[in-house]
Amino acid sequence: MRIISHKDYLEYIKGHDQLLMPLKKIRQQFFCETQPCTLETITNIPGQPTFLRVETGNQKPIIPSFIDVIKEVTFKQDYSSYEISRVGGISDYK
């Protein structure tokens, strides 16, 4: 991450892809045992889905007991931030 000037920011937003919808996210970070986890909720699409992101390296992730996993979406392009932004939501999310 780097800090940019106000002028650089204004130039950057002028050149952003107009076909992509900005995603508004709330992130809550915590540790489960020794694994850093992030709950990421997208607040400006229907259903406001929440994703659990776990940094595991090559280990099997430890899912906290207070979280109910509805669907495993790791490596599924339809659930990438880019794709959600491009189509304005998640096609099979209820």
Protein backbone atom coordinates (compact mmCIF):
# COMPACT_ATOMS: atom_id res chain seq x y z
CA MET A 1 0.00 0.00 0.00
CA ARG A 2 1.20 3.50 -0.71
CA ILE A 3 -0.12 6.93 0.07
CA ILE A 4 -1.10 9.03 -2.95
CA SER A 5 -1.81 12.73 -3.23
CA HIS A 6 -5.28 14.23 -3.68
CA LYS A 7 -4.32 15.19 -7.24
CA ASP A 8 -3.24 11.61 -8.04
CA TYR A 9 -6.50 10.30 -6.59
CA LEU A 10 -8.60 12.64 -8.74
CA GLU A 11 -6.67 11.52 -11.83
CA TYR A 12 -7.16 7.89 -10.85
CA ILE A 13 -10.94 8.12 -10.43
CA LYS A 14 -11.30 9.90 -13.79
CA GLY A 15 -9.73 6.88 -15.47
CA HIS A 16 -11.64 4.10 -13.69
CA ASP A 17 -13.69 1.59 -15.66
CA GLN A 18 -17.19 3.05 -16.02
CA LEU A 19 -18.65 -0.44 -16.52
CA LEU A 20 -17.69 -1.54 -13.01
CA MET A 21 -19.90 -0.74 -10.03
CA PRO A 22 -17.94 0.32 -6.93
CA LEU A 23 -18.43 -2.21 -4.13
CA LYS A 24 -18.99 -0.91 -0.61
CA LYS A 25 -17.58 -3.35 1.94
CA ILE A 26 -17.50 -3.68 5.70
CA ARG A 27 -14.57 -5.76 6.93
CA GLN A 28 -14.28 -7.32 10.37
CA GLN A 29 -10.96 -8.94 11.18
CA PHE A 30 -10.20 -11.47 13.88
CA PHE A 31 -8.11 -14.56 14.63
CA CYS A 32 -9.40 -18.12 14.84
CA GLU A 33 -6.73 -19.96 16.79
CA THR A 34 -3.68 -18.66 14.87
CA GLN A 35 -5.32 -18.01 11.50
CA PRO A 36 -6.13 -14.42 10.53
CA CYS A 37 -9.72 -14.18 9.26
CA THR A 38 -11.77 -11.45 7.61
CA LEU A 39 -15.55 -11.25 7.35
CA GLU A 40 -16.30 -9.10 4.33
CA THR A 41 -19.87 -7.88 3.76
CA ILE A 42 -20.78 -6.18 0.50
CA THR A 43 -23.41 -3.63 1.50
CA ASN A 44 -24.56 -2.24 -1.84
CA ILE A 45 -25.76 -5.37 -3.67
CA PRO A 46 -28.94 -7.38 -3.10
CA GLY A 47 -28.80 -9.67 -0.07
CA GLN A 48 -25.63 -8.04 1.30
CA PRO A 49 -23.56 -11.27 1.13
CA THR A 50 -20.78 -11.89 3.62
CA PHE A 51 -17.60 -13.76 2.73
CA LEU A 52 -15.17 -15.38 5.15
CA ARG A 53 -11.58 -14.99 4.04
CA VAL A 54 -9.00 -17.09 5.88
CA GLU A 55 -5.25 -16.83 5.39
CA THR A 56 -4.07 -20.44 5.60
CA GLY A 57 -0.99 -20.93 3.49
CA ASN A 58 -1.24 -24.64 2.66
CA GLN A 59 -3.14 -25.62 5.81
CA LYS A 60 -6.78 -26.61 6.01
CA PRO A 61 -8.74 -23.58 7.26
CA ILE A 62 -10.29 -23.62 10.70
CA ILE A 63 -13.87 -22.35 10.44
CA PRO A 64 -15.06 -20.64 13.64
CA SER A 65 -18.01 -22.41 15.31
CA PHE A 66 -20.16 -19.26 15.16
CA ILE A 67 -20.08 -19.20 11.33
CA ASP A 68 -22.45 -21.22 9.14
CA VAL A 69 -20.89 -21.81 5.72
CA ILE A 70 -23.57 -21.75 3.01
CA LYS A 71 -21.30 -22.35 0.03
CA GLU A 72 -17.61 -22.85 -0.66
CA VAL A 73 -16.63 -20.28 -3.31
CA THR A 74 -12.85 -20.39 -3.21
CA PHE A 75 -11.47 -20.13 -6.75
CA LYS A 76 -14.94 -19.51 -8.28
CA GLN A 77 -14.69 -16.51 -10.58
CA ASP A 78 -18.39 -15.59 -10.22
CA TYR A 79 -17.60 -14.63 -6.61
CA SER A 80 -14.54 -12.48 -7.28
CA SER A 81 -14.88 -8.80 -6.43
CA TYR A 82 -14.23 -7.95 -10.08
CA GLU A 83 -17.04 -10.17 -11.36
CA ILE A 84 -19.51 -9.03 -8.68
CA SER A 85 -18.69 -5.42 -9.59
CA ARG A 86 -18.99 -6.11 -13.32
CA VAL A 87 -22.46 -7.74 -13.16
CA GLY A 88 -23.76 -5.72 -10.20
CA GLY A 89 -24.33 -8.66 -7.89
CA ILE A 90 -24.18 -12.45 -7.62
CA SER A 91 -26.42 -14.32 -10.04
CA ASP A 92 -27.25 -17.33 -7.83
CA TYR A 93 -27.26 -15.59 -4.44
CA LYS A 94 -30.56 -15.65 -2.56
